[in-house]
Amino acid sequence: MSRHEPKPYLVGHQEFAALYRVDPKQVAQWLAPSRGVLDPETSIVVSGVRYWPLGFAAGWGATTARFRQVDLDVKARIIAEQGKGWEPDLGDELPPIVGQQEVIELFHLPAQGNLATTIATGRFPEHDWLLSGSMLWMLDTVLEAVPQLRESARSLPWDVDEDVAAALRDGTYDGPGSRVLTRGRHARKAL
């Protein structure tokens, strides 16, 4: 999927909560095993945070024991903010998606500051999504930018670890950011 193809619409905790007019903390409560309302397996984990396909999130309220009405105005705003795209229902329909933790691992950057500086100076590709305050990119967006990253780099080689790229592509990545840290212990990794 190249930068010019439509991207899938996604939501994070804040956007999921907005769809149902609740506080974002409510989404975390829905995910609690004792509540069993929202299955963690319906999300993907990027840089230690859960995200959902918009199609799933918008339809979820109709599948619960206690019907929850989705706010269609919020859904329309999310689509408008994300630009041209498509509405997936399942996580396995999504292309590989990375956040800052995966990017740092992909290039074996010496520190997060290296990436933060590259982003802040406009040398890193523009994020594909800004969800719940976090920047996310399609893996292909990042890989397509490698020649420009190398050209603008002063000291970093921007060499791609092909094993990390392959693991991100085939869904087997288990490095930094692949798990949600909850209450001091690792939660189950979502698919």
N, C-alpha and C. Protein backbone atom coordinates (compact mmCIF):
# COMPACT_ATOMS: atom_id res chain seq x y z
N MET A 1 0.86 -1.17 0.00
CA MET A 1 0.00 0.00 0.00
C MET A 1 0.90 1.22 0.00
N SER A 2 0.75 2.03 -1.00
CA SER A 2 1.62 3.20 -1.06
C SER A 2 0.92 4.41 -0.44
N ARG A 3 1.66 5.47 -0.31
CA ARG A 3 1.20 6.70 0.32
C ARG A 3 -0.02 7.27 -0.40
N HIS A 4 -0.21 6.89 -1.64
CA HIS A 4 -1.29 7.48 -2.42
C HIS A 4 -2.55 6.64 -2.42
N GLU A 5 -2.50 5.44 -1.86
CA GLU A 5 -3.69 4.60 -1.78
C GLU A 5 -4.48 4.98 -0.53
N PRO A 6 -5.79 4.76 -0.56
CA PRO A 6 -6.59 5.06 0.63
C PRO A 6 -6.12 4.21 1.81
N LYS A 7 -6.20 4.80 2.98
CA LYS A 7 -5.79 4.08 4.19
C LYS A 7 -7.03 3.65 4.96
N PRO A 8 -6.90 2.64 5.79
CA PRO A 8 -8.04 2.21 6.59
C PRO A 8 -8.32 3.22 7.71
N TYR A 9 -9.59 3.42 8.01
CA TYR A 9 -9.97 4.29 9.12
C TYR A 9 -9.77 3.53 10.43
N LEU A 10 -9.14 4.21 11.39
CA LEU A 10 -8.85 3.62 12.70
C LEU A 10 -9.32 4.54 13.81
N VAL A 11 -9.48 3.96 15.00
CA VAL A 11 -9.76 4.75 16.19
C VAL A 11 -8.90 4.23 17.35
N GLY A 12 -8.54 5.16 18.24
CA GLY A 12 -7.89 4.82 19.50
C GLY A 12 -8.91 4.94 20.62
N HIS A 13 -8.45 4.86 21.86
CA HIS A 13 -9.35 4.95 23.01
C HIS A 13 -10.22 6.22 22.97
N GLN A 14 -9.58 7.37 22.69
CA GLN A 14 -10.33 8.63 22.72
C GLN A 14 -11.41 8.68 21.65
N GLU A 15 -11.07 8.21 20.45
CA GLU A 15 -12.05 8.23 19.36
C GLU A 15 -13.15 7.20 19.60
N PHE A 16 -12.78 6.02 20.12
CA PHE A 16 -13.77 4.98 20.44
C PHE A 16 -14.76 5.54 21.46
N ALA A 17 -14.24 6.19 22.49
CA ALA A 17 -15.10 6.77 23.52
C ALA A 17 -16.01 7.84 22.92
N ALA A 18 -15.47 8.68 22.04
CA ALA A 18 -16.27 9.74 21.43
C ALA A 18 -17.43 9.17 20.60
N LEU A 19 -17.19 8.03 19.95
CA LEU A 19 -18.24 7.39 19.16
C LEU A 19 -19.46 7.05 20.02
N TYR A 20 -19.24 6.80 21.31
CA TYR A 20 -20.33 6.41 22.21
C TYR A 20 -20.59 7.45 23.30
N ARG A 21 -19.99 8.64 23.14
CA ARG A 21 -20.20 9.76 24.06
C ARG A 21 -19.93 9.35 25.52
N VAL A 22 -18.78 8.71 25.73
CA VAL A 22 -18.36 8.35 27.08
C VAL A 22 -16.93 8.84 27.31
N ASP A 23 -16.50 8.84 28.55
CA ASP A 23 -15.13 9.19 28.90
C ASP A 23 -14.19 8.10 28.38
N PRO A 24 -13.00 8.46 27.89
CA PRO A 24 -12.06 7.43 27.41
C PRO A 24 -11.74 6.34 28.44
N LYS A 25 -11.82 6.68 29.73
CA LYS A 25 -11.58 5.66 30.76
C LYS A 25 -12.61 4.54 30.68
N GLN A 26 -13.80 4.86 30.16
CA GLN A 26 -14.85 3.84 30.03
C GLN A 26 -14.42 2.73 29.08
N VAL A 27 -13.67 3.08 28.02
CA VAL A 27 -13.20 2.06 27.06
C VAL A 27 -12.30 1.07 27.80
N ALA A 28 -11.42 1.57 28.65
CA ALA A 28 -10.55 0.69 29.44
C ALA A 28 -11.38 -0.21 30.34
N GLN A 29 -12.46 0.32 30.91
CA GLN A 29 -13.34 -0.51 31.75
C GLN A 29 -14.03 -1.58 30.92
N TRP A 30 -14.45 -1.23 29.71
CA TRP A 30 -15.09 -2.22 28.84
C TRP A 30 -14.12 -3.35 28.51
N LEU A 31 -12.80 -3.02 28.44
CA LEU A 31 -11.78 -4.02 28.12
C LEU A 31 -11.44 -4.93 29.30
N ALA A 32 -11.80 -4.53 30.52
CA ALA A 32 -11.44 -5.30 31.71
C ALA A 32 -12.03 -6.71 31.63
N PRO A 33 -11.20 -7.75 31.89
CA PRO A 33 -11.69 -9.12 31.81
C PRO A 33 -12.93 -9.37 32.68
N SER A 34 -13.00 -8.70 33.82
CA SER A 34 -14.15 -8.90 34.70
C SER A 34 -15.44 -8.38 34.07
N ARG A 35 -15.31 -7.38 33.19
CA ARG A 35 -16.49 -6.83 32.52
C ARG A 35 -16.84 -7.63 31.27
N GLY A 36 -15.79 -8.01 30.52
CA GLY A 36 -15.99 -8.82 29.32
C GLY A 36 -16.87 -8.19 28.27
N VAL A 37 -16.93 -6.87 28.21
CA VAL A 37 -17.80 -6.19 27.26
C VAL A 37 -17.12 -6.00 25.91
N LEU A 38 -15.82 -5.66 25.95
CA LEU A 38 -15.05 -5.41 24.74
C LEU A 38 -13.85 -6.34 24.73
N ASP A 39 -13.82 -7.26 23.79
CA ASP A 39 -12.76 -8.26 23.70
C ASP A 39 -11.46 -7.60 23.23
N PRO A 40 -10.37 -7.72 24.02
CA PRO A 40 -9.09 -7.14 23.60
C PRO A 40 -8.61 -7.68 22.25
N GLU A 41 -9.03 -8.88 21.89
CA GLU A 41 -8.61 -9.48 20.62
C GLU A 41 -9.15 -8.74 19.41
N THR A 42 -10.11 -7.82 19.62
CA THR A 42 -10.66 -7.05 18.50
C THR A 42 -9.76 -5.89 18.12
N SER A 43 -8.74 -5.62 18.93
CA SER A 43 -7.85 -4.48 18.68
C SER A 43 -6.52 -4.95 18.12
N ILE A 44 -5.77 -3.97 17.61
CA ILE A 44 -4.36 -4.18 17.29
C ILE A 44 -3.57 -3.37 18.30
N VAL A 45 -2.35 -3.77 18.55
CA VAL A 45 -1.50 -3.04 19.49
C VAL A 45 -0.35 -2.42 18.71
N VAL A 46 -0.22 -1.10 18.82
CA VAL A 46 0.86 -0.36 18.17
C VAL A 46 1.48 0.53 19.24
N SER A 47 2.80 0.41 19.41
CA SER A 47 3.52 1.18 20.42
C SER A 47 2.86 1.09 21.79
N GLY A 48 2.40 -0.11 22.13
CA GLY A 48 1.85 -0.38 23.45
C GLY A 48 0.44 0.14 23.69
N VAL A 49 -0.25 0.56 22.64
CA VAL A 49 -1.58 1.13 22.77
C VAL A 49 -2.53 0.38 21.83
N ARG A 50 -3.78 0.22 22.27
CA ARG A 50 -4.78 -0.46 21.44
C ARG A 50 -5.45 0.50 20.45
N TYR A 51 -5.68 -0.03 19.25
CA TYR A 51 -6.42 0.69 18.21
C TYR A 51 -7.38 -0.30 17.56
N TRP A 52 -8.49 0.24 17.03
CA TRP A 52 -9.51 -0.59 16.41
C TRP A 52 -9.84 -0.09 15.01
N PRO A 53 -10.21 -1.01 14.11
CA PRO A 53 -10.76 -0.57 12.82
C PRO A 53 -12.07 0.18 13.08
N LEU A 54 -12.29 1.27 12.36
CA LEU A 54 -13.49 2.07 12.57
C LEU A 54 -14.76 1.26 12.35
N GLY A 55 -14.78 0.39 11.34
CA GLY A 55 -15.97 -0.41 11.08
C GLY A 55 -16.37 -1.24 12.29
N PHE A 56 -15.38 -1.86 12.92
CA PHE A 56 -15.66 -2.64 14.13
C PHE A 56 -16.17 -1.72 15.24
N ALA A 57 -15.44 -0.63 15.50
CA ALA A 57 -15.78 0.26 16.61
C ALA A 57 -17.19 0.84 16.46
N ALA A 58 -17.52 1.26 15.24
CA ALA A 58 -18.82 1.89 15.01
C ALA A 58 -19.97 0.87 15.10
N GLY A 59 -19.69 -0.39 14.81
CA GLY A 59 -20.73 -1.41 14.88
C GLY A 59 -20.82 -2.11 16.21
N TRP A 60 -19.81 -1.91 17.06
CA TRP A 60 -19.72 -2.64 18.33
C TRP A 60 -20.92 -2.42 19.23
N GLY A 61 -21.42 -1.20 19.33
CA GLY A 61 -22.52 -0.90 20.24
C GLY A 61 -23.78 -1.70 19.97
N ALA A 62 -23.97 -2.12 18.72
CA ALA A 62 -25.16 -2.90 18.37
C ALA A 62 -24.98 -4.38 18.71
N THR A 63 -23.76 -4.79 19.09
CA THR A 63 -23.50 -6.20 19.38
C THR A 63 -23.46 -6.52 20.87
N THR A 64 -23.57 -5.50 21.70
CA THR A 64 -23.45 -5.70 23.14
C THR A 64 -24.80 -6.05 23.75
N ALA A 65 -24.75 -6.67 24.93
CA ALA A 65 -25.99 -7.04 25.62
C ALA A 65 -26.85 -5.80 25.89
N ARG A 66 -26.20 -4.70 26.23
CA ARG A 66 -26.89 -3.43 26.44
C ARG A 66 -26.58 -2.55 25.23
N PHE A 67 -27.54 -2.41 24.32
CA PHE A 67 -27.34 -1.65 23.08
C PHE A 67 -26.78 -0.27 23.38
N ARG A 68 -25.76 0.11 22.60
CA ARG A 68 -25.17 1.45 22.71
C ARG A 68 -25.24 2.10 21.33
N GLN A 69 -25.82 3.28 21.27
CA GLN A 69 -25.99 4.00 20.01
C GLN A 69 -24.71 4.72 19.63
N VAL A 70 -24.22 4.44 18.42
CA VAL A 70 -23.03 5.14 17.94
C VAL A 70 -23.43 6.55 17.49
N ASP A 71 -22.56 7.51 17.72
CA ASP A 71 -22.79 8.89 17.31
C ASP A 71 -22.29 9.03 15.87
N LEU A 72 -23.23 9.09 14.93
CA LEU A 72 -22.87 9.13 13.52
C LEU A 72 -22.16 10.43 13.14
N ASP A 73 -22.41 11.52 13.86
CA ASP A 73 -21.69 12.77 13.60
C ASP A 73 -20.21 12.62 13.95
N VAL A 74 -19.93 11.94 15.06
CA VAL A 74 -18.54 11.69 15.45
C VAL A 74 -17.88 10.78 14.42
N LYS A 75 -18.59 9.76 13.98
CA LYS A 75 -18.04 8.85 12.96
C LYS A 75 -17.71 9.64 11.69
N ALA A 76 -18.59 10.50 11.26
CA ALA A 76 -18.36 11.31 10.05
C ALA A 76 -17.15 12.23 10.25
N ARG A 77 -17.00 12.79 11.45
CA ARG A 77 -15.87 13.67 11.73
C ARG A 77 -14.55 12.89 11.68
N ILE A 78 -14.55 11.68 12.24
CA ILE A 78 -13.35 10.83 12.22
C ILE A 78 -12.95 10.54 10.77
N ILE A 79 -13.93 10.19 9.94
CA ILE A 79 -13.65 9.91 8.52
C ILE A 79 -13.11 11.16 7.83
N ALA A 80 -13.73 12.31 8.10
CA ALA A 80 -13.27 13.56 7.47
C ALA A 80 -11.84 13.90 7.90
N GLU A 81 -11.53 13.70 9.18
CA GLU A 81 -10.19 14.01 9.68
C GLU A 81 -9.13 13.09 9.07
N GLN A 82 -9.50 11.84 8.79
CA GLN A 82 -8.52 10.88 8.29
C GLN A 82 -8.37 10.92 6.77
N GLY A 83 -9.25 11.63 6.09
CA GLY A 83 -9.12 11.78 4.64
C GLY A 83 -9.62 10.56 3.89
N LYS A 84 -9.20 10.47 2.64
CA LYS A 84 -9.65 9.39 1.78
C LYS A 84 -9.23 8.05 2.38
N GLY A 85 -10.17 7.14 2.51
CA GLY A 85 -9.85 5.85 3.10
C GLY A 85 -10.95 4.84 2.92
N TRP A 86 -10.88 3.79 3.71
CA TRP A 86 -11.88 2.74 3.67
C TRP A 86 -12.12 2.24 5.09
N GLU A 87 -13.23 1.56 5.29
CA GLU A 87 -13.69 1.23 6.63
C GLU A 87 -13.58 -0.27 6.91
N PRO A 88 -12.47 -0.72 7.48
CA PRO A 88 -12.32 -2.14 7.80
C PRO A 88 -13.12 -2.51 9.05
N ASP A 89 -13.48 -3.80 9.13
CA ASP A 89 -14.18 -4.32 10.30
C ASP A 89 -13.26 -5.13 11.20
N LEU A 90 -12.25 -5.76 10.60
CA LEU A 90 -11.39 -6.66 11.35
C LEU A 90 -9.94 -6.22 11.27
N GLY A 91 -9.20 -6.48 12.35
CA GLY A 91 -7.79 -6.12 12.40
C GLY A 91 -6.95 -6.80 11.35
N ASP A 92 -7.35 -8.02 10.94
CA ASP A 92 -6.53 -8.73 9.95
C ASP A 92 -6.71 -8.15 8.54
N GLU A 93 -7.61 -7.18 8.39
CA GLU A 93 -7.76 -6.48 7.11
C GLU A 93 -6.78 -5.31 7.00
N LEU A 94 -6.10 -5.00 8.10
CA LEU A 94 -5.25 -3.81 8.14
C LEU A 94 -3.85 -4.08 7.60
N PRO A 95 -3.25 -3.07 6.97
CA PRO A 95 -1.85 -3.18 6.57
C PRO A 95 -0.99 -3.10 7.84
N PRO A 96 0.30 -3.45 7.76
CA PRO A 96 1.16 -3.28 8.93
C PRO A 96 1.23 -1.80 9.33
N ILE A 97 1.03 -1.54 10.62
CA ILE A 97 0.99 -0.18 11.15
C ILE A 97 2.04 -0.07 12.24
N VAL A 98 2.77 1.06 12.25
CA VAL A 98 3.83 1.25 13.24
C VAL A 98 3.66 2.59 13.94
N GLY A 99 4.17 2.62 15.16
CA GLY A 99 4.27 3.84 15.94
C GLY A 99 5.74 4.09 16.22
N GLN A 100 6.03 4.99 17.11
CA GLN A 100 7.41 5.37 17.36
C GLN A 100 8.25 4.20 17.90
N GLN A 101 7.68 3.37 18.78
CA GLN A 101 8.47 2.27 19.34
C GLN A 101 8.91 1.29 18.25
N GLU A 102 7.99 0.98 17.34
CA GLU A 102 8.34 0.06 16.26
C GLU A 102 9.35 0.67 15.30
N VAL A 103 9.23 1.97 15.03
CA VAL A 103 10.17 2.66 14.14
C VAL A 103 11.58 2.63 14.75
N ILE A 104 11.67 2.89 16.04
CA ILE A 104 12.97 2.86 16.72
C ILE A 104 13.59 1.47 16.58
N GLU A 105 12.79 0.44 16.73
CA GLU A 105 13.29 -0.94 16.61
C GLU A 105 13.63 -1.26 15.15
N LEU A 106 12.82 -0.81 14.22
CA LEU A 106 13.02 -1.08 12.79
C LEU A 106 14.38 -0.56 12.31
N PHE A 107 14.78 0.60 12.82
CA PHE A 107 16.04 1.21 12.40
C PHE A 107 17.14 1.08 13.46
N HIS A 108 16.83 0.45 14.58
CA HIS A 108 17.78 0.34 15.71
C HIS A 108 18.36 1.70 16.06
N LEU A 109 17.46 2.67 16.21
CA LEU A 109 17.90 4.02 16.57
C LEU A 109 18.45 4.01 18.00
N PRO A 110 19.51 4.78 18.25
CA PRO A 110 20.14 4.75 19.57
C PRO A 110 19.26 5.32 20.69
N ALA A 111 18.33 6.21 20.36
CA ALA A 111 17.48 6.80 21.39
C ALA A 111 16.20 7.34 20.76
N GLN A 112 15.16 7.45 21.57
CA GLN A 112 13.91 7.98 21.06
C GLN A 112 14.08 9.42 20.60
N GLY A 113 15.01 10.13 21.22
CA GLY A 113 15.26 11.51 20.83
C GLY A 113 15.67 11.65 19.38
N ASN A 114 16.38 10.64 18.85
CA ASN A 114 16.76 10.68 17.43
C ASN A 114 15.52 10.75 16.54
N LEU A 115 14.53 9.92 16.84
CA LEU A 115 13.31 9.92 16.05
C LEU A 115 12.51 11.19 16.30
N ALA A 116 12.40 11.61 17.55
CA ALA A 116 11.64 12.81 17.88
C ALA A 116 12.20 14.03 17.15
N THR A 117 13.52 14.14 17.09
CA THR A 117 14.16 15.25 16.39
C THR A 117 13.88 15.17 14.89
N THR A 118 13.96 13.98 14.32
CA THR A 118 13.71 13.80 12.90
C THR A 118 12.27 14.18 12.56
N ILE A 119 11.32 13.80 13.43
CA ILE A 119 9.91 14.16 13.22
C ILE A 119 9.74 15.67 13.36
N ALA A 120 10.30 16.24 14.43
CA ALA A 120 10.12 17.67 14.72
C ALA A 120 10.70 18.57 13.64
N THR A 121 11.76 18.11 12.98
CA THR A 121 12.38 18.93 11.93
C THR A 121 11.77 18.68 10.55
N GLY A 122 10.74 17.84 10.49
CA GLY A 122 10.05 17.60 9.24
C GLY A 122 10.76 16.66 8.28
N ARG A 123 11.77 15.96 8.76
CA ARG A 123 12.51 15.04 7.88
C ARG A 123 11.89 13.65 7.85
N PHE A 124 11.01 13.33 8.80
CA PHE A 124 10.35 12.03 8.83
C PHE A 124 9.03 12.17 8.08
N PRO A 125 8.54 11.11 7.43
CA PRO A 125 7.28 11.26 6.69
C PRO A 125 6.14 11.66 7.62
N GLU A 126 5.22 12.44 7.07
CA GLU A 126 4.05 12.86 7.84
C GLU A 126 3.28 11.62 8.28
N HIS A 127 2.76 11.66 9.50
CA HIS A 127 2.02 10.51 10.04
C HIS A 127 0.78 10.24 9.20
N ASP A 128 0.40 8.96 9.13
CA ASP A 128 -0.82 8.58 8.43
C ASP A 128 -2.05 8.81 9.32
N TRP A 129 -1.86 8.66 10.63
CA TRP A 129 -2.93 8.88 11.60
C TRP A 129 -2.38 9.63 12.80
N LEU A 130 -3.23 10.44 13.42
CA LEU A 130 -2.96 11.01 14.72
C LEU A 130 -4.17 10.61 15.56
N LEU A 131 -3.99 9.56 16.37
CA LEU A 131 -5.10 8.99 17.13
C LEU A 131 -4.80 9.02 18.62
N SER A 132 -5.74 9.52 19.37
CA SER A 132 -5.59 9.60 20.83
C SER A 132 -4.24 10.22 21.20
N GLY A 133 -3.81 11.19 20.39
CA GLY A 133 -2.57 11.90 20.67
C GLY A 133 -1.30 11.23 20.17
N SER A 134 -1.41 10.08 19.51
CA SER A 134 -0.23 9.35 19.03
C SER A 134 -0.16 9.33 17.51
N MET A 135 1.06 9.48 16.99
CA MET A 135 1.28 9.40 15.55
C MET A 135 1.48 7.94 15.16
N LEU A 136 0.81 7.55 14.07
CA LEU A 136 0.96 6.20 13.52
C LEU A 136 1.22 6.31 12.02
N TRP A 137 1.96 5.33 11.51
CA TRP A 137 2.27 5.28 10.09
C TRP A 137 2.01 3.87 9.57
N MET A 138 1.66 3.78 8.29
CA MET A 138 1.70 2.48 7.64
C MET A 138 3.18 2.13 7.48
N LEU A 139 3.52 0.88 7.65
CA LEU A 139 4.91 0.46 7.50
C LEU A 139 5.45 0.90 6.14
N ASP A 140 4.65 0.76 5.10
CA ASP A 140 5.11 1.14 3.76
C ASP A 140 5.42 2.64 3.65
N THR A 141 4.68 3.48 4.36
CA THR A 141 4.97 4.92 4.37
C THR A 141 6.39 5.16 4.86
N VAL A 142 6.76 4.45 5.95
CA VAL A 142 8.09 4.62 6.53
C VAL A 142 9.16 4.05 5.60
N LEU A 143 8.92 2.85 5.07
CA LEU A 143 9.93 2.22 4.21
C LEU A 143 10.15 3.01 2.93
N GLU A 144 9.08 3.58 2.37
CA GLU A 144 9.23 4.38 1.14
C GLU A 144 10.05 5.64 1.38
N ALA A 145 10.13 6.09 2.64
CA ALA A 145 10.86 7.32 2.97
C ALA A 145 12.33 7.09 3.26
N VAL A 146 12.79 5.84 3.27
CA VAL A 146 14.18 5.54 3.63
C VAL A 146 15.19 6.33 2.78
N PRO A 147 15.05 6.40 1.45
CA PRO A 147 16.04 7.17 0.68
C PRO A 147 16.13 8.64 1.13
N GLN A 148 14.98 9.28 1.40
CA GLN A 148 15.00 10.66 1.86
C GLN A 148 15.58 10.77 3.27
N LEU A 149 15.28 9.80 4.12
CA LEU A 149 15.83 9.81 5.48
C LEU A 149 17.35 9.73 5.42
N ARG A 150 17.86 8.84 4.57
CA ARG A 150 19.31 8.69 4.44
C ARG A 150 19.95 9.97 3.90
N GLU A 151 19.27 10.58 2.93
CA GLU A 151 19.80 11.78 2.29
C GLU A 151 19.88 12.95 3.28
N SER A 152 18.91 13.04 4.18
CA SER A 152 18.88 14.18 5.11
C SER A 152 19.61 13.90 6.42
N ALA A 153 20.07 12.68 6.60
CA ALA A 153 20.70 12.30 7.87
C ALA A 153 22.10 12.87 8.00
N ARG A 154 22.42 13.29 9.19
CA ARG A 154 23.79 13.75 9.47
C ARG A 154 24.65 12.60 9.97
N SER A 155 24.07 11.78 10.85
CA SER A 155 24.90 10.71 11.44
C SER A 155 24.21 9.35 11.46
N LEU A 156 22.90 9.30 11.36
CA LEU A 156 22.19 8.01 11.41
C LEU A 156 22.15 7.36 10.04
N PRO A 157 22.42 6.04 9.96
CA PRO A 157 22.41 5.39 8.66
C PRO A 157 21.01 5.07 8.13
N TRP A 158 20.01 5.02 8.99
CA TRP A 158 18.65 4.65 8.61
C TRP A 158 18.62 3.32 7.86
N ASP A 159 19.34 2.33 8.41
CA ASP A 159 19.34 0.99 7.84
C ASP A 159 18.16 0.21 8.40
N VAL A 160 17.37 -0.39 7.51
CA VAL A 160 16.20 -1.16 7.90
C VAL A 160 16.62 -2.54 8.35
N ASP A 161 16.15 -2.97 9.52
CA ASP A 161 16.34 -4.35 9.96
C ASP A 161 15.26 -5.17 9.26
N GLU A 162 15.68 -5.94 8.26
CA GLU A 162 14.72 -6.67 7.43
C GLU A 162 13.95 -7.72 8.23
N ASP A 163 14.54 -8.26 9.29
CA ASP A 163 13.82 -9.23 10.13
C ASP A 163 12.67 -8.54 10.87
N VAL A 164 12.92 -7.34 11.38
CA VAL A 164 11.86 -6.58 12.05
C VAL A 164 10.78 -6.21 11.04
N ALA A 165 11.18 -5.75 9.85
CA ALA A 165 10.20 -5.39 8.82
C ALA A 165 9.34 -6.60 8.45
N ALA A 166 9.97 -7.77 8.29
CA ALA A 166 9.22 -8.98 7.94
C ALA A 166 8.26 -9.37 9.06
N ALA A 167 8.70 -9.27 10.31
CA ALA A 167 7.84 -9.61 11.44
C ALA A 167 6.65 -8.65 11.52
N LEU A 168 6.89 -7.36 11.26
CA LEU A 168 5.79 -6.40 11.26
C LEU A 168 4.81 -6.72 10.13
N ARG A 169 5.34 -7.11 8.98
CA ARG A 169 4.49 -7.44 7.83
C ARG A 169 3.62 -8.67 8.06
N ASP A 170 4.23 -9.70 8.68
CA ASP A 170 3.46 -10.95 8.82
C ASP A 170 2.77 -11.10 10.17
N GLY A 171 2.81 -10.04 10.99
CA GLY A 171 2.06 -10.06 12.24
C GLY A 171 2.71 -10.84 13.37
N THR A 172 4.01 -11.13 13.24
CA THR A 172 4.70 -11.88 14.30
C THR A 172 5.62 -11.00 15.14
N TYR A 173 5.62 -9.71 14.90
CA TYR A 173 6.48 -8.79 15.65
C TYR A 173 6.15 -8.88 17.14
N ASP A 174 7.18 -9.10 17.96
CA ASP A 174 6.95 -9.16 19.41
C ASP A 174 7.95 -8.30 20.17
N GLY A 175 8.49 -7.29 19.49
CA GLY A 175 9.46 -6.39 20.09
C GLY A 175 8.80 -5.26 20.86
N PRO A 176 9.58 -4.21 21.16
CA PRO A 176 9.05 -3.07 21.91
C PRO A 176 7.78 -2.50 21.28
N GLY A 177 6.77 -2.28 22.11
CA GLY A 177 5.51 -1.72 21.64
C GLY A 177 4.48 -2.75 21.24
N SER A 178 4.85 -4.04 21.23
CA SER A 178 3.91 -5.07 20.75
C SER A 178 2.91 -5.52 21.81
N ARG A 179 3.11 -5.09 23.04
CA ARG A 179 2.20 -5.48 24.11
C ARG A 179 1.72 -4.25 24.87
N VAL A 180 0.51 -4.37 25.43
CA VAL A 180 -0.05 -3.31 26.25
C VAL A 180 0.37 -3.58 27.69
N LEU A 181 0.98 -2.60 28.30
CA LEU A 181 1.37 -2.73 29.70
C LEU A 181 0.20 -2.25 30.55
N THR A 182 -0.34 -3.16 31.36
CA THR A 182 -1.50 -2.84 32.18
C THR A 182 -1.23 -3.19 33.63
N ARG A 183 -1.41 -2.23 34.49
CA ARG A 183 -1.26 -2.43 35.93
C ARG A 183 0.02 -3.19 36.28
N GLY A 184 1.12 -2.80 35.64
CA GLY A 184 2.41 -3.36 36.02
C GLY A 184 2.72 -4.72 35.44
N ARG A 185 1.82 -5.29 34.65
CA ARG A 185 2.14 -6.58 34.03
C ARG A 185 1.70 -6.55 32.57
N HIS A 186 2.31 -7.41 31.78
CA HIS A 186 1.95 -7.42 30.37
C HIS A 186 0.60 -8.06 30.18
N ALA A 187 -0.28 -7.37 29.47
CA ALA A 187 -1.57 -7.93 29.10
C ALA A 187 -1.36 -8.84 27.89
N ARG A 188 -2.36 -9.62 27.61
CA ARG A 188 -2.27 -10.49 26.45
C ARG A 188 -2.12 -9.66 25.19
N LYS A 189 -1.26 -10.10 24.29
CA LYS A 189 -1.06 -9.35 23.04
C LYS A 189 -2.27 -9.58 22.14
N ALA A 190 -2.82 -8.49 21.66
CA ALA A 190 -3.94 -8.59 20.73
C ALA A 190 -3.43 -8.88 19.34
N LEU A 191 -4.24 -9.51 18.56
CA LEU A 191 -3.85 -9.84 17.18
C LEU A 191 -4.03 -8.66 16.28
